[in-house]
Amino acid sequence: MRTIARDLSQIQFVGDLVVFVQVVEKGSFTAAALALNMAKSQVTKQVSRLEKSLGVTLLHRTTRQMTPTQAGLSVLQHAKAMVQSASAAAAAANLHGQTVSGRLSVSCSMAYGQSVMSQLLPGFTNKYPLVEVELLLTDRQVDLLHDDVDIVIRLTDDPQPGLVGKPVHHFSFVVACTPEYLLDHPVTHPIELKKLSCMAFSAQPQQAKAKWKFSRAAERLEMEARGPVVVNSSEVIRKLVLDNLGIGLLPDFLIGEELKNKNLVAILEDWDVQGPFGRTAWMLWKPHIAMPPAMRAFVDYAAEYFAEMRKAGGAMNTDG
């Protein structure tokens, strides 16, 4: 791939990249022209000019379909990043240039909403009183592409491809039980959990299988959590553990107060344990040409909120 010709201005080149992104995302020159409010001939001209300036073919064209070439995919990746950065810059300017207002719909799990978002929202609404936040708590996976939601918060280390997002909150998992249960069932090694009542989290409880993975230095251990209850709710597991029914593997943000008040105790603290879902809260949204100011304000506020929590050693024991 050769460098951009000297006679091609940077502004023209950037404009051609934006048009190319639209052509790929919309699937045709006609659809891209409608989205950009341009003539189809102009869209075709700019993509051809881009191919000529780069010295590569960006699109496979047939009578039935149009797909990016391998070179096109490489260019597309960088072009999309450029468009997203430009949108972020515009949104950041909007936050300073206009009043942030409007409706913002956010979805997350029941446990995360009750434990984390309930602490974050008061500060956000005080700072942006004209933003109406609609918080949807559900343990089903909301489909951003079809549901009427602006932002979904997912606890995952592998966010869904095709969405734009930002990791805002890293947390840990804790193996915990009541002091009374531990007194009757002392635990010094994860292998001993196989003989004890473990409250299992499973997104599909009917399968009744939950794997707890432990690591310490070179040691690795995976065990199937077994107990009287399998449930797809961390909040229910927390309550069952507090009722002295057994041992639970829970995110630290959910049981921070119980650990602080010694209603629960952490066990096997010298082991790193992987929970039933990822240890990062991602804010995800559909790709936008221009991100609405209320959305940008919310994402930026959340990132700052958790950064401050880390610096302060936070009540929720956040670590990133």
C-alpha atoms as a PDB file:
ATOM      1  CA  MET A   1       0.000   0.000   0.000  1.00  0.00           C
ATOM      2  CA  ARG A   2       1.576   3.292  -1.046  1.00  0.00           C
ATOM      3  CA  THR A   3       1.353   6.583   0.790  1.00  0.00           C
ATOM      4  CA  ILE A   4      -1.228   9.239  -0.007  1.00  0.00           C
ATOM      5  CA  ALA A   5      -0.411  11.214  -3.135  1.00  0.00           C
ATOM      6  CA  ARG A   6       0.993  14.661  -2.403  1.00  0.00           C
ATOM      7  CA  ASP A   7      -1.732  16.392  -4.385  1.00  0.00           C
ATOM      8  CA  LEU A   8      -4.463  14.795  -2.296  1.00  0.00           C
ATOM      9  CA  SER A   9      -5.325  17.017   0.622  1.00  0.00           C
ATOM     10  CA  GLN A  10      -5.730  15.572   4.088  1.00  0.00           C
ATOM     11  CA  ILE A  11      -9.257  16.947   4.289  1.00  0.00           C
ATOM     12  CA  GLN A  12     -10.219  15.235   1.052  1.00  0.00           C
ATOM     13  CA  PHE A  13      -8.636  11.975   2.178  1.00  0.00           C
ATOM     14  CA  VAL A  14     -10.498  12.007   5.506  1.00  0.00           C
ATOM     15  CA  GLY A  15     -13.759  12.711   3.697  1.00  0.00           C
ATOM     16  CA  ASP A  16     -13.187   9.758   1.385  1.00  0.00           C
ATOM     17  CA  LEU A  17     -12.568   7.491   4.385  1.00  0.00           C
ATOM     18  CA  VAL A  18     -15.853   8.587   5.958  1.00  0.00           C
ATOM     19  CA  VAL A  19     -17.702   7.790   2.733  1.00  0.00           C
ATOM     20  CA  PHE A  20     -15.987   4.396   2.513  1.00  0.00           C
ATOM     21  CA  VAL A  21     -17.119   3.506   6.053  1.00  0.00           C
ATOM     22  CA  GLN A  22     -20.697   4.361   5.167  1.00  0.00           C
ATOM     23  CA  VAL A  23     -20.610   2.300   1.970  1.00  0.00           C
ATOM     24  CA  VAL A  24     -19.436  -0.781   3.871  1.00  0.00           C
ATOM     25  CA  GLU A  25     -21.832  -0.317   6.798  1.00  0.00           C
ATOM     26  CA  LYS A  26     -24.866   0.407   4.589  1.00  0.00           C
ATOM     27  CA  GLY A  27     -23.996  -2.335   2.113  1.00  0.00           C
ATOM     28  CA  SER A  28     -24.320  -0.320  -1.091  1.00  0.00           C
ATOM     29  CA  PHE A  29     -23.448   2.961  -2.767  1.00  0.00           C
ATOM     30  CA  THR A  30     -27.126   3.859  -2.994  1.00  0.00           C
ATOM     31  CA  ALA A  31     -27.800   3.375   0.738  1.00  0.00           C
ATOM     32  CA  ALA A  32     -24.619   5.251   1.653  1.00  0.00           C
ATOM     33  CA  ALA A  33     -25.617   8.142  -0.603  1.00  0.00           C
ATOM     34  CA  LEU A  34     -29.000   8.373   1.137  1.00  0.00           C
ATOM     35  CA  ALA A  35     -27.394   8.293   4.594  1.00  0.00           C
ATOM     36  CA  LEU A  36     -24.875  10.982   3.640  1.00  0.00           C
ATOM     37  CA  ASN A  37     -27.381  13.062   1.652  1.00  0.00           C
ATOM     38  CA  MET A  38     -25.097  12.875  -1.367  1.00  0.00           C
ATOM     39  CA  ALA A  39     -25.480  11.857  -4.998  1.00  0.00           C
ATOM     40  CA  LYS A  40     -24.657   8.219  -5.678  1.00  0.00           C
ATOM     41  CA  SER A  41     -22.204   9.303  -8.368  1.00  0.00           C
ATOM     42  CA  GLN A  42     -20.295  11.389  -5.822  1.00  0.00           C
ATOM     43  CA  VAL A  43     -20.092   8.466  -3.387  1.00  0.00           C
ATOM     44  CA  THR A  44     -18.770   6.202  -6.152  1.00  0.00           C
ATOM     45  CA  LYS A  45     -16.259   8.860  -7.179  1.00  0.00           C
ATOM     46  CA  GLN A  46     -14.883   9.267  -3.661  1.00  0.00           C
ATOM     47  CA  VAL A  47     -14.446   5.532  -3.083  1.00  0.00           C
ATOM     48  CA  SER A  48     -12.704   5.168  -6.450  1.00  0.00           C
ATOM     49  CA  ARG A  49     -10.474   8.108  -5.600  1.00  0.00           C
ATOM     50  CA  LEU A  50      -9.600   6.513  -2.274  1.00  0.00           C
ATOM     51  CA  GLU A  51      -8.684   3.223  -3.965  1.00  0.00           C
ATOM     52  CA  LYS A  52      -6.506   5.072  -6.472  1.00  0.00           C
ATOM     53  CA  SER A  53      -4.712   7.106  -3.821  1.00  0.00           C
ATOM     54  CA  LEU A  54      -3.986   4.022  -1.714  1.00  0.00           C
ATOM     55  CA  GLY A  55      -3.138   1.831  -4.654  1.00  0.00           C
ATOM     56  CA  VAL A  56      -5.368  -1.065  -3.595  1.00  0.00           C
ATOM     57  CA  THR A  57      -8.846  -2.434  -4.304  1.00  0.00           C
ATOM     58  CA  LEU A  58     -11.042  -1.879  -1.279  1.00  0.00           C
ATOM     59  CA  LEU A  59     -14.279  -3.527  -2.439  1.00  0.00           C
ATOM     60  CA  HIS A  60     -15.276  -6.691  -4.274  1.00  0.00           C
ATOM     61  CA  ARG A  61     -18.180  -5.655  -6.514  1.00  0.00           C
ATOM     62  CA  THR A  62     -20.640  -8.070  -8.127  1.00  0.00           C
ATOM     63  CA  THR A  63     -24.152  -7.603  -9.467  1.00  0.00           C
ATOM     64  CA  ARG A  64     -25.575  -9.098  -6.267  1.00  0.00           C
ATOM     65  CA  GLN A  65     -23.328  -7.958  -3.451  1.00  0.00           C
ATOM     66  CA  MET A  66     -20.399  -5.855  -2.412  1.00  0.00           C
ATOM     67  CA  THR A  67     -17.861  -6.915   0.229  1.00  0.00           C
ATOM     68  CA  PRO A  68     -14.574  -5.456   1.484  1.00  0.00           C
ATOM     69  CA  THR A  69     -11.336  -6.984   0.268  1.00  0.00           C
ATOM     70  CA  GLN A  70      -8.667  -7.957   2.788  1.00  0.00           C
ATOM     71  CA  ALA A  71      -7.051  -4.570   2.245  1.00  0.00           C
ATOM     72  CA  GLY A  72     -10.474  -2.983   2.579  1.00  0.00           C
ATOM     73  CA  LEU A  73     -11.013  -4.612   5.957  1.00  0.00           C
ATOM     74  CA  SER A  74      -7.683  -3.285   7.200  1.00  0.00           C
ATOM     75  CA  VAL A  75      -8.475   0.230   6.016  1.00  0.00           C
ATOM     76  CA  LEU A  76     -12.004  -0.040   7.425  1.00  0.00           C
ATOM     77  CA  GLN A  77     -10.715  -0.803  10.918  1.00  0.00           C
ATOM     78  CA  HIS A  78      -8.659   2.399  11.023  1.00  0.00           C
ATOM     79  CA  ALA A  79     -11.303   4.457   9.262  1.00  0.00           C
ATOM     80  CA  LYS A  80     -13.934   3.431  11.820  1.00  0.00           C
ATOM     81  CA  ALA A  81     -11.597   4.375  14.667  1.00  0.00           C
ATOM     82  CA  MET A  82     -11.097   7.771  13.031  1.00  0.00           C
ATOM     83  CA  VAL A  83     -14.859   8.331  12.697  1.00  0.00           C
ATOM     84  CA  GLN A  84     -15.445   7.311  16.310  1.00  0.00           C
ATOM     85  CA  SER A  85     -12.675   9.635  17.523  1.00  0.00           C
ATOM     86  CA  ALA A  86     -14.182  12.495  15.553  1.00  0.00           C
ATOM     87  CA  SER A  87     -17.600  11.768  17.054  1.00  0.00           C
ATOM     88  CA  ALA A  88     -16.107  11.681  20.541  1.00  0.00           C
ATOM     89  CA  ALA A  89     -14.398  15.038  19.931  1.00  0.00           C
ATOM     90  CA  ALA A  90     -17.661  16.573  18.759  1.00  0.00           C
ATOM     91  CA  ALA A  91     -19.526  15.167  21.748  1.00  0.00           C
ATOM     92  CA  ALA A  92     -16.878  16.449  24.151  1.00  0.00           C
ATOM     93  CA  ALA A  93     -17.223  19.910  22.642  1.00  0.00           C
ATOM     94  CA  ASN A  94     -20.999  19.682  22.963  1.00  0.00           C
ATOM     95  CA  LEU A  95     -20.702  19.046  26.685  1.00  0.00           C
ATOM     96  CA  HIS A  96     -18.992  22.418  27.056  1.00  0.00           C
ATOM     97  CA  GLY A  97     -20.986  24.261  24.445  1.00  0.00           C
ATOM     98  CA  GLN A  98     -24.540  23.400  25.378  1.00  0.00           C
ATOM     99  CA  THR A  99     -26.751  22.298  28.210  1.00  0.00           C
ATOM    100  CA  VAL A 100     -26.773  18.525  28.592  1.00  0.00           C
ATOM    101  CA  SER A 101     -30.357  17.324  28.645  1.00  0.00           C
ATOM    102  CA  GLY A 102     -32.711  14.659  27.351  1.00  0.00           C
ATOM    103  CA  ARG A 103     -33.733  11.084  28.076  1.00  0.00           C
ATOM    104  CA  LEU A 104     -31.094   8.397  28.590  1.00  0.00           C
ATOM    105  CA  SER A 105     -32.002   4.709  28.800  1.00  0.00           C
ATOM    106  CA  VAL A 106     -29.509   2.429  30.580  1.00  0.00           C
ATOM    107  CA  SER A 107     -29.800  -1.310  31.219  1.00  0.00           C
ATOM    108  CA  CYS A 108     -27.842  -3.558  33.581  1.00  0.00           C
ATOM    109  CA  SER A 109     -28.289  -6.613  35.768  1.00  0.00           C
ATOM    110  CA  MET A 110     -30.375  -6.491  38.923  1.00  0.00           C
ATOM    111  CA  ALA A 111     -27.408  -6.993  41.240  1.00  0.00           C
ATOM    112  CA  TYR A 112     -25.211  -4.412  39.526  1.00  0.00           C
ATOM    113  CA  GLY A 113     -27.995  -1.863  39.392  1.00  0.00           C
ATOM    114  CA  GLN A 114     -28.924  -2.246  43.053  1.00  0.00           C
ATOM    115  CA  SER A 115     -25.340  -2.302  44.343  1.00  0.00           C
ATOM    116  CA  VAL A 116     -23.405  -0.015  42.007  1.00  0.00           C
ATOM    117  CA  MET A 117     -25.650   2.156  39.867  1.00  0.00           C
ATOM    118  CA  SER A 118     -27.709   3.167  42.883  1.00  0.00           C
ATOM    119  CA  GLN A 119     -24.518   4.740  44.278  1.00  0.00           C
ATOM    120  CA  LEU A 120     -23.409   6.343  41.023  1.00  0.00           C
ATOM    121  CA  LEU A 121     -26.688   7.906  39.899  1.00  0.00           C
ATOM    122  CA  PRO A 122     -27.193  10.519  42.656  1.00  0.00           C
ATOM    123  CA  GLY A 123     -23.956  12.286  41.742  1.00  0.00           C
ATOM    124  CA  PHE A 124     -24.725  12.126  38.031  1.00  0.00           C
ATOM    125  CA  THR A 125     -28.244  13.521  38.384  1.00  0.00           C
ATOM    126  CA  ASN A 126     -26.954  16.305  40.627  1.00  0.00           C
ATOM    127  CA  LYS A 127     -24.390  17.266  37.996  1.00  0.00           C
ATOM    128  CA  TYR A 128     -26.787  16.892  35.041  1.00  0.00           C
ATOM    129  CA  PRO A 129     -30.266  17.628  36.432  1.00  0.00           C
ATOM    130  CA  LEU A 130     -31.829  17.995  32.967  1.00  0.00           C
ATOM    131  CA  VAL A 131     -30.975  14.429  31.968  1.00  0.00           C
ATOM    132  CA  GLU A 132     -33.770  11.962  32.643  1.00  0.00           C
ATOM    133  CA  VAL A 133     -32.205   8.552  33.302  1.00  0.00           C
ATOM    134  CA  GLU A 134     -34.347   5.495  32.708  1.00  0.00           C
ATOM    135  CA  LEU A 135     -32.629   2.562  34.438  1.00  0.00           C
ATOM    136  CA  LEU A 136     -33.793  -0.875  33.318  1.00  0.00           C
ATOM    137  CA  LEU A 137     -32.751  -3.682  35.673  1.00  0.00           C
ATOM    138  CA  THR A 138     -33.009  -7.123  34.137  1.00  0.00           C
ATOM    139  CA  ASP A 139     -31.009 -10.341  34.234  1.00  0.00           C
ATOM    140  CA  ARG A 140     -31.827 -11.113  30.608  1.00  0.00           C
ATOM    141  CA  GLN A 141     -29.354  -9.927  27.977  1.00  0.00           C
ATOM    142  CA  VAL A 142     -30.803  -6.825  26.361  1.00  0.00           C
ATOM    143  CA  ASP A 143     -30.298  -6.643  22.600  1.00  0.00           C
ATOM    144  CA  LEU A 144     -28.956  -3.186  21.818  1.00  0.00           C
ATOM    145  CA  LEU A 145     -29.644  -3.584  18.129  1.00  0.00           C
ATOM    146  CA  HIS A 146     -33.374  -4.161  18.653  1.00  0.00           C
ATOM    147  CA  ASP A 147     -34.370  -2.913  22.128  1.00  0.00           C
ATOM    148  CA  ASP A 148     -34.977   0.764  22.842  1.00  0.00           C
ATOM    149  CA  VAL A 149     -31.944   1.197  25.094  1.00  0.00           C
ATOM    150  CA  ASP A 150     -29.083   3.677  24.735  1.00  0.00           C
ATOM    151  CA  ILE A 151     -26.444   1.964  26.895  1.00  0.00           C
ATOM    152  CA  VAL A 152     -26.121  -1.555  28.270  1.00  0.00           C
ATOM    153  CA  ILE A 153     -23.734  -2.403  31.094  1.00  0.00           C
ATOM    154  CA  ARG A 154     -22.353  -5.909  30.736  1.00  0.00           C
ATOM    155  CA  LEU A 155     -20.079  -7.720  33.161  1.00  0.00           C
ATOM    156  CA  THR A 156     -17.786  -9.421  30.712  1.00  0.00           C
ATOM    157  CA  ASP A 157     -14.166  -9.720  29.628  1.00  0.00           C
ATOM    158  CA  ASP A 158     -15.236 -10.268  26.019  1.00  0.00           C
ATOM    159  CA  PRO A 159     -17.714  -7.596  24.886  1.00  0.00           C
ATOM    160  CA  GLN A 160     -19.978  -8.273  21.925  1.00  0.00           C
ATOM    161  CA  PRO A 161     -18.376  -7.440  18.558  1.00  0.00           C
ATOM    162  CA  GLY A 162     -20.008  -4.719  16.515  1.00  0.00           C
ATOM    163  CA  LEU A 163     -20.759  -2.455  19.473  1.00  0.00           C
ATOM    164  CA  VAL A 164     -18.892   0.599  20.691  1.00  0.00           C
ATOM    165  CA  GLY A 165     -17.915   0.527  24.332  1.00  0.00           C
ATOM    166  CA  LYS A 166     -15.694   1.479  27.205  1.00  0.00           C
ATOM    167  CA  PRO A 167     -14.537  -0.558  30.223  1.00  0.00           C
ATOM    168  CA  VAL A 168     -15.327   1.560  33.288  1.00  0.00           C
ATOM    169  CA  HIS A 169     -15.192  -0.739  36.309  1.00  0.00           C
ATOM    170  CA  HIS A 170     -12.967  -3.702  37.159  1.00  0.00           C
ATOM    171  CA  PHE A 171     -13.869  -5.828  40.158  1.00  0.00           C
ATOM    172  CA  SER A 172     -12.946  -9.095  41.858  1.00  0.00           C
ATOM    173  CA  PHE A 173     -14.745 -12.235  42.956  1.00  0.00           C
ATOM    174  CA  VAL A 174     -14.739 -13.375  46.566  1.00  0.00           C
ATOM    175  CA  VAL A 175     -15.425 -16.813  48.027  1.00  0.00           C
ATOM    176  CA  ALA A 176     -17.443 -15.995  51.130  1.00  0.00           C
ATOM    177  CA  CYS A 177     -19.636 -17.420  53.861  1.00  0.00           C
ATOM    178  CA  THR A 178     -20.861 -16.463  57.323  1.00  0.00           C
ATOM    179  CA  PRO A 179     -18.449 -16.704  60.276  1.00  0.00           C
ATOM    180  CA  GLU A 180     -20.771 -19.343  61.776  1.00  0.00           C
ATOM    181  CA  TYR A 181     -20.639 -21.533  58.676  1.00  0.00           C
ATOM    182  CA  LEU A 182     -16.857 -21.251  58.496  1.00  0.00           C
ATOM    183  CA  LEU A 183     -16.550 -22.224  62.149  1.00  0.00           C
ATOM    184  CA  ASP A 184     -18.414 -25.466  61.453  1.00  0.00           C
ATOM    185  CA  HIS A 185     -16.792 -26.021  58.041  1.00  0.00           C
ATOM    186  CA  PRO A 186     -13.193 -24.751  58.034  1.00  0.00           C
ATOM    187  CA  VAL A 187     -11.706 -24.407  54.536  1.00  0.00           C
ATOM    188  CA  THR A 188      -7.978 -24.276  53.762  1.00  0.00           C
ATOM    189  CA  HIS A 189      -7.925 -25.447  50.125  1.00  0.00           C
ATOM    190  CA  PRO A 190     -10.391 -25.157  47.203  1.00  0.00           C
ATOM    191  CA  ILE A 191     -10.576 -28.950  46.878  1.00  0.00           C
ATOM    192  CA  GLU A 192     -12.424 -29.034  50.216  1.00  0.00           C
ATOM    193  CA  LEU A 193     -15.324 -27.108  48.664  1.00  0.00           C
ATOM    194  CA  LYS A 194     -16.405 -30.262  46.843  1.00  0.00           C
ATOM    195  CA  LYS A 195     -17.709 -31.624  50.137  1.00  0.00           C
ATOM    196  CA  LEU A 196     -19.518 -28.434  51.143  1.00  0.00           C
ATOM    197  CA  SER A 197     -22.708 -26.628  50.157  1.00  0.00           C
ATOM    198  CA  CYS A 198     -21.809 -24.113  47.438  1.00  0.00           C
ATOM    199  CA  MET A 199     -24.379 -21.704  46.053  1.00  0.00           C
ATOM    200  CA  ALA A 200     -24.056 -21.998  42.286  1.00  0.00           C
ATOM    201  CA  PHE A 201     -24.676 -19.175  39.808  1.00  0.00           C
ATOM    202  CA  SER A 202     -25.703 -20.284  36.335  1.00  0.00           C
ATOM    203  CA  ALA A 203     -27.166 -18.240  33.487  1.00  0.00           C
ATOM    204  CA  GLN A 204     -29.098 -21.408  32.600  1.00  0.00           C
ATOM    205  CA  PRO A 205     -30.022 -22.967  35.952  1.00  0.00           C
ATOM    206  CA  GLN A 206     -31.636 -25.995  34.325  1.00  0.00           C
ATOM    207  CA  GLN A 207     -28.147 -27.160  33.374  1.00  0.00           C
ATOM    208  CA  ALA A 208     -27.223 -27.102  37.078  1.00  0.00           C
ATOM    209  CA  LYS A 209     -23.502 -26.676  36.391  1.00  0.00           C
ATOM    210  CA  ALA A 210     -21.261 -23.886  37.591  1.00  0.00           C
ATOM    211  CA  LYS A 211     -17.475 -24.013  37.323  1.00  0.00           C
ATOM    212  CA  TRP A 212     -15.258 -22.241  39.838  1.00  0.00           C
ATOM    213  CA  LYS A 213     -11.673 -21.821  38.608  1.00  0.00           C
ATOM    214  CA  PHE A 214      -8.851 -21.233  41.086  1.00  0.00           C
ATOM    215  CA  SER A 215      -5.223 -20.324  40.482  1.00  0.00           C
ATOM    216  CA  ARG A 216      -2.253 -19.700  42.771  1.00  0.00           C
ATOM    217  CA  ALA A 217       1.256 -19.446  41.345  1.00  0.00           C
ATOM    218  CA  ALA A 218       1.590 -22.572  39.175  1.00  0.00           C
ATOM    219  CA  GLU A 219      -1.445 -24.307  40.703  1.00  0.00           C
ATOM    220  CA  ARG A 220      -4.669 -24.558  38.720  1.00  0.00           C
ATOM    221  CA  LEU A 221      -7.909 -26.093  39.920  1.00  0.00           C
ATOM    222  CA  GLU A 222     -11.402 -26.235  38.470  1.00  0.00           C
ATOM    223  CA  MET A 223     -14.338 -27.523  40.446  1.00  0.00           C
ATOM    224  CA  GLU A 224     -18.047 -27.852  39.874  1.00  0.00           C
ATOM    225  CA  ALA A 225     -19.978 -25.933  42.504  1.00  0.00           C
ATOM    226  CA  ARG A 226     -22.715 -28.071  44.016  1.00  0.00           C
ATOM    227  CA  GLY A 227     -25.357 -27.147  46.527  1.00  0.00           C
ATOM    228  CA  PRO A 228     -29.071 -27.091  47.241  1.00  0.00           C
ATOM    229  CA  VAL A 229     -29.737 -24.137  44.925  1.00  0.00           C
ATOM    230  CA  VAL A 230     -28.703 -23.135  41.393  1.00  0.00           C
ATOM    231  CA  VAL A 231     -29.849 -19.664  40.421  1.00  0.00           C
ATOM    232  CA  ASN A 232     -29.134 -16.973  37.814  1.00  0.00           C
ATOM    233  CA  SER A 233     -29.031 -14.150  40.375  1.00  0.00           C
ATOM    234  CA  SER A 234     -26.012 -13.047  42.425  1.00  0.00           C
ATOM    235  CA  GLU A 235     -28.357 -11.161  44.753  1.00  0.00           C
ATOM    236  CA  VAL A 236     -30.243 -14.357  45.613  1.00  0.00           C
ATOM    237  CA  ILE A 237     -26.948 -16.155  46.253  1.00  0.00           C
ATOM    238  CA  ARG A 238     -25.896 -13.341  48.585  1.00  0.00           C
ATOM    239  CA  LYS A 239     -29.088 -13.732  50.615  1.00  0.00           C
ATOM    240  CA  LEU A 240     -28.753 -17.516  50.774  1.00  0.00           C
ATOM    241  CA  VAL A 241     -25.175 -17.238  51.987  1.00  0.00           C
ATOM    242  CA  LEU A 242     -26.224 -14.698  54.627  1.00  0.00           C
ATOM    243  CA  ASP A 243     -28.873 -17.195  55.734  1.00  0.00           C
ATOM    244  CA  ASN A 244     -26.037 -19.597  56.524  1.00  0.00           C
ATOM    245  CA  LEU A 245     -26.978 -22.028  53.759  1.00  0.00           C
ATOM    246  CA  GLY A 246     -23.445 -22.414  52.448  1.00  0.00           C
ATOM    247  CA  ILE A 247     -20.607 -20.787  50.519  1.00  0.00           C
ATOM    248  CA  GLY A 248     -20.956 -18.339  47.634  1.00  0.00           C
ATOM    249  CA  LEU A 249     -18.721 -16.945  44.914  1.00  0.00           C
ATOM    250  CA  LEU A 250     -19.748 -13.319  44.620  1.00  0.00           C
ATOM    251  CA  PRO A 251     -18.494 -10.062  43.094  1.00  0.00           C
ATOM    252  CA  ASP A 252     -16.898  -7.776  45.659  1.00  0.00           C
ATOM    253  CA  PHE A 253     -19.190  -4.867  44.802  1.00  0.00           C
ATOM    254  CA  LEU A 254     -22.154  -6.908  46.004  1.00  0.00           C
ATOM    255  CA  ILE A 255     -20.836  -7.896  49.435  1.00  0.00           C
ATOM    256  CA  GLY A 256     -18.505  -5.043  50.341  1.00  0.00           C
ATOM    257  CA  GLU A 257     -20.657  -3.903  53.262  1.00  0.00           C
ATOM    258  CA  GLU A 258     -21.171  -7.448  54.576  1.00  0.00           C
ATOM    259  CA  LEU A 259     -17.417  -8.068  54.555  1.00  0.00           C
ATOM    260  CA  LYS A 260     -16.771  -4.729  56.255  1.00  0.00           C
ATOM    261  CA  ASN A 261     -19.361  -5.451  58.956  1.00  0.00           C
ATOM    262  CA  LYS A 262     -18.104  -9.054  59.291  1.00  0.00           C
ATOM    263  CA  ASN A 263     -21.521 -10.503  58.504  1.00  0.00           C
ATOM    264  CA  LEU A 264     -19.580 -12.421  55.852  1.00  0.00           C
ATOM    265  CA  VAL A 265     -15.945 -13.507  55.752  1.00  0.00           C
ATOM    266  CA  ALA A 266     -13.731 -14.045  52.725  1.00  0.00           C
ATOM    267  CA  ILE A 267     -12.041 -17.432  52.479  1.00  0.00           C
ATOM    268  CA  LEU A 268      -9.224 -18.753  50.273  1.00  0.00           C
ATOM    269  CA  GLU A 269      -7.946 -15.199  49.848  1.00  0.00           C
ATOM    270  CA  ASP A 270      -4.510 -16.394  48.698  1.00  0.00           C
ATOM    271  CA  TRP A 271      -6.137 -17.836  45.560  1.00  0.00           C
ATOM    272  CA  ASP A 272      -7.292 -15.959  42.481  1.00  0.00           C
ATOM    273  CA  VAL A 273     -10.761 -17.129  41.525  1.00  0.00           C
ATOM    274  CA  GLN A 274     -12.627 -16.693  38.259  1.00  0.00           C
ATOM    275  CA  GLY A 275     -16.346 -16.196  38.602  1.00  0.00           C
ATOM    276  CA  PRO A 276     -19.285 -17.151  36.385  1.00  0.00           C
ATOM    277  CA  PHE A 277     -18.964 -13.935  34.355  1.00  0.00           C
ATOM    278  CA  GLY A 278     -16.250 -11.436  33.512  1.00  0.00           C
ATOM    279  CA  ARG A 279     -14.616  -9.077  35.969  1.00  0.00           C
ATOM    280  CA  THR A 280     -15.088  -5.900  33.936  1.00  0.00           C
ATOM    281  CA  ALA A 281     -18.167  -3.722  33.617  1.00  0.00           C
ATOM    282  CA  TRP A 282     -18.376  -2.482  30.039  1.00  0.00           C
ATOM    283  CA  MET A 283     -20.647   0.319  28.922  1.00  0.00           C
ATOM    284  CA  LEU A 284     -21.740  -0.606  25.399  1.00  0.00           C
ATOM    285  CA  TRP A 285     -23.746   1.255  22.800  1.00  0.00           C
ATOM    286  CA  LYS A 286     -24.554   1.173  19.119  1.00  0.00           C
ATOM    287  CA  PRO A 287     -22.106   2.933  16.799  1.00  0.00           C
ATOM    288  CA  HIS A 288     -23.055   6.565  16.313  1.00  0.00           C
ATOM    289  CA  ILE A 289     -21.891   9.193  13.869  1.00  0.00           C
ATOM    290  CA  ALA A 290     -22.389  11.727  16.665  1.00  0.00           C
ATOM    291  CA  MET A 291     -22.810  10.471  20.214  1.00  0.00           C
ATOM    292  CA  PRO A 292     -25.613  12.356  22.014  1.00  0.00           C
ATOM    293  CA  PRO A 293     -24.316  14.664  24.763  1.00  0.00           C
ATOM    294  CA  ALA A 294     -26.294  12.884  27.510  1.00  0.00           C
ATOM    295  CA  MET A 295     -24.692   9.553  26.608  1.00  0.00           C
ATOM    296  CA  ARG A 296     -21.206  11.044  26.486  1.00  0.00           C
ATOM    297  CA  ALA A 297     -21.765  12.766  29.812  1.00  0.00           C
ATOM    298  CA  PHE A 298     -22.909   9.521  31.434  1.00  0.00           C
ATOM    299  CA  VAL A 299     -20.000   7.427  30.131  1.00  0.00           C
ATOM    300  CA  ASP A 300     -17.433  10.069  31.082  1.00  0.00           C
ATOM    301  CA  TYR A 301     -18.990  10.523  34.514  1.00  0.00           C
ATOM    302  CA  ALA A 302     -18.912   6.761  35.160  1.00  0.00           C
ATOM    303  CA  ALA A 303     -15.256   6.530  34.134  1.00  0.00           C
ATOM    304  CA  GLU A 304     -14.354   9.397  36.459  1.00  0.00           C
ATOM    305  CA  TYR A 305     -16.485   7.950  39.266  1.00  0.00           C
ATOM    306  CA  PHE A 306     -14.689   4.610  39.253  1.00  0.00           C
ATOM    307  CA  ALA A 307     -11.290   6.256  38.823  1.00  0.00           C
ATOM    308  CA  GLU A 308     -11.962   8.268  41.986  1.00  0.00           C
ATOM    309  CA  MET A 309     -13.119   5.111  43.756  1.00  0.00           C
ATOM    310  CA  ARG A 310      -9.821   3.442  42.910  1.00  0.00           C
ATOM    311  CA  LYS A 311      -7.793   6.376  44.163  1.00  0.00           C
ATOM    312  CA  ALA A 312      -9.740   6.457  47.416  1.00  0.00           C
ATOM    313  CA  GLY A 313      -9.553   2.704  47.914  1.00  0.00           C
ATOM    314  CA  GLY A 314     -13.339   2.761  47.400  1.00  0.00           C
ATOM    315  CA  ALA A 315     -16.171   1.323  49.409  1.00  0.00           C
ATOM    316  CA  MET A 316     -16.780  -1.212  46.656  1.00  0.00           C
ATOM    317  CA  ASN A 317     -13.137  -2.349  46.620  1.00  0.00           C
ATOM    318  CA  THR A 318     -12.742  -1.565  42.950  1.00  0.00           C
ATOM    319  CA  ASP A 319      -9.329  -2.422  41.523  1.00  0.00           C
ATOM    320  CA  GLY A 320      -9.454  -0.902  38.067  1.00  0.00           C
END
